[in-house]
Amino acid sequence: MRHTEFWARMDRHLGESYARVWADTFVIGALDHRTAVEALDAGLSPKEVWRAVWEVLELPASER
């Protein structure tokens, strides 16, 4: 997964304006208590970050 696909999925599920705010403020335990943005900046793959986001948001399996 590329960063562009990650952000497209975030926008689709949270809305374009809220996705960035959420990703910058919501701390996810599975990402070592970092936000999605912090995890991406630390070098985690967008796919790994998306899996953590997917789990927190309790999205359907089809969105994994």
Protein backbone atom coordinates (compact mmCIF):
# COMPACT_ATOMS: atom_id res chain seq x y z
CA MET A 1 0.00 0.00 0.00
CA ARG A 2 1.24 3.46 -0.85
CA HIS A 3 0.75 6.57 1.24
CA THR A 4 -1.74 7.88 -1.34
CA GLU A 5 -3.91 4.79 -0.95
CA PHE A 6 -3.71 5.04 2.83
CA TRP A 7 -4.93 8.64 2.76
CA ALA A 8 -7.63 7.84 0.21
CA ARG A 9 -8.98 5.16 2.55
CA MET A 10 -8.81 7.51 5.51
CA ASP A 11 -10.70 10.18 3.55
CA ARG A 12 -13.32 7.65 2.45
CA HIS A 13 -14.04 6.47 5.99
CA LEU A 14 -13.64 9.65 8.00
CA GLY A 15 -14.17 12.42 5.48
CA GLU A 16 -11.48 14.52 3.85
CA SER A 17 -11.27 17.20 6.52
CA TYR A 18 -11.64 14.98 9.60
CA ALA A 19 -9.29 12.20 8.44
CA ARG A 20 -6.20 14.40 8.78
CA VAL A 21 -7.23 15.71 12.19
CA TRP A 22 -8.04 12.21 13.46
CA ALA A 23 -4.79 10.75 12.12
CA ASP A 24 -2.83 13.53 13.79
CA THR A 25 -4.52 13.34 17.20
CA PHE A 26 -5.88 9.84 17.88
CA VAL A 27 -3.32 7.68 19.69
CA ILE A 28 -3.39 3.99 18.79
CA GLY A 29 -1.96 1.47 21.23
CA ALA A 30 -1.05 -1.01 18.48
CA LEU A 31 1.23 1.65 16.99
CA ASP A 32 3.27 1.91 20.18
CA HIS A 33 0.94 4.61 21.47
CA ARG A 34 1.50 6.87 18.49
CA THR A 35 -0.88 8.57 16.13
CA ALA A 36 -1.15 7.36 12.55
CA VAL A 37 0.86 10.38 11.39
CA GLU A 38 3.58 9.75 13.98
CA ALA A 39 3.75 6.09 12.99
CA LEU A 40 4.08 6.95 9.30
CA ASP A 41 6.72 9.56 10.09
CA ALA A 42 8.60 6.95 12.15
CA GLY A 43 8.83 4.72 9.09
CA LEU A 44 6.03 2.22 9.64
CA SER A 45 4.50 1.08 6.38
CA PRO A 46 1.13 2.56 5.39
CA LYS A 47 -0.24 -1.00 5.29
CA GLU A 48 0.77 -1.62 8.91
CA VAL A 49 -0.70 1.70 10.01
CA TRP A 50 -3.89 1.03 8.04
CA ARG A 51 -4.35 -2.33 9.80
CA ALA A 52 -4.20 -0.59 13.17
CA VAL A 53 -6.61 2.13 12.01
CA TRP A 54 -8.93 -0.50 10.52
CA GLU A 55 -9.05 -2.32 13.83
CA VAL A 56 -9.67 0.80 15.92
CA LEU A 57 -12.44 2.01 13.63
CA GLU A 58 -13.98 -1.48 13.57
CA LEU A 59 -14.35 -1.41 9.82
CA PRO A 60 -15.70 -4.39 7.89
CA ALA A 61 -13.32 -7.14 6.83
CA SER A 62 -13.75 -6.09 3.21
CA GLU A 63 -11.91 -2.85 4.03
CA ARG A 64 -8.85 -4.52 5.46
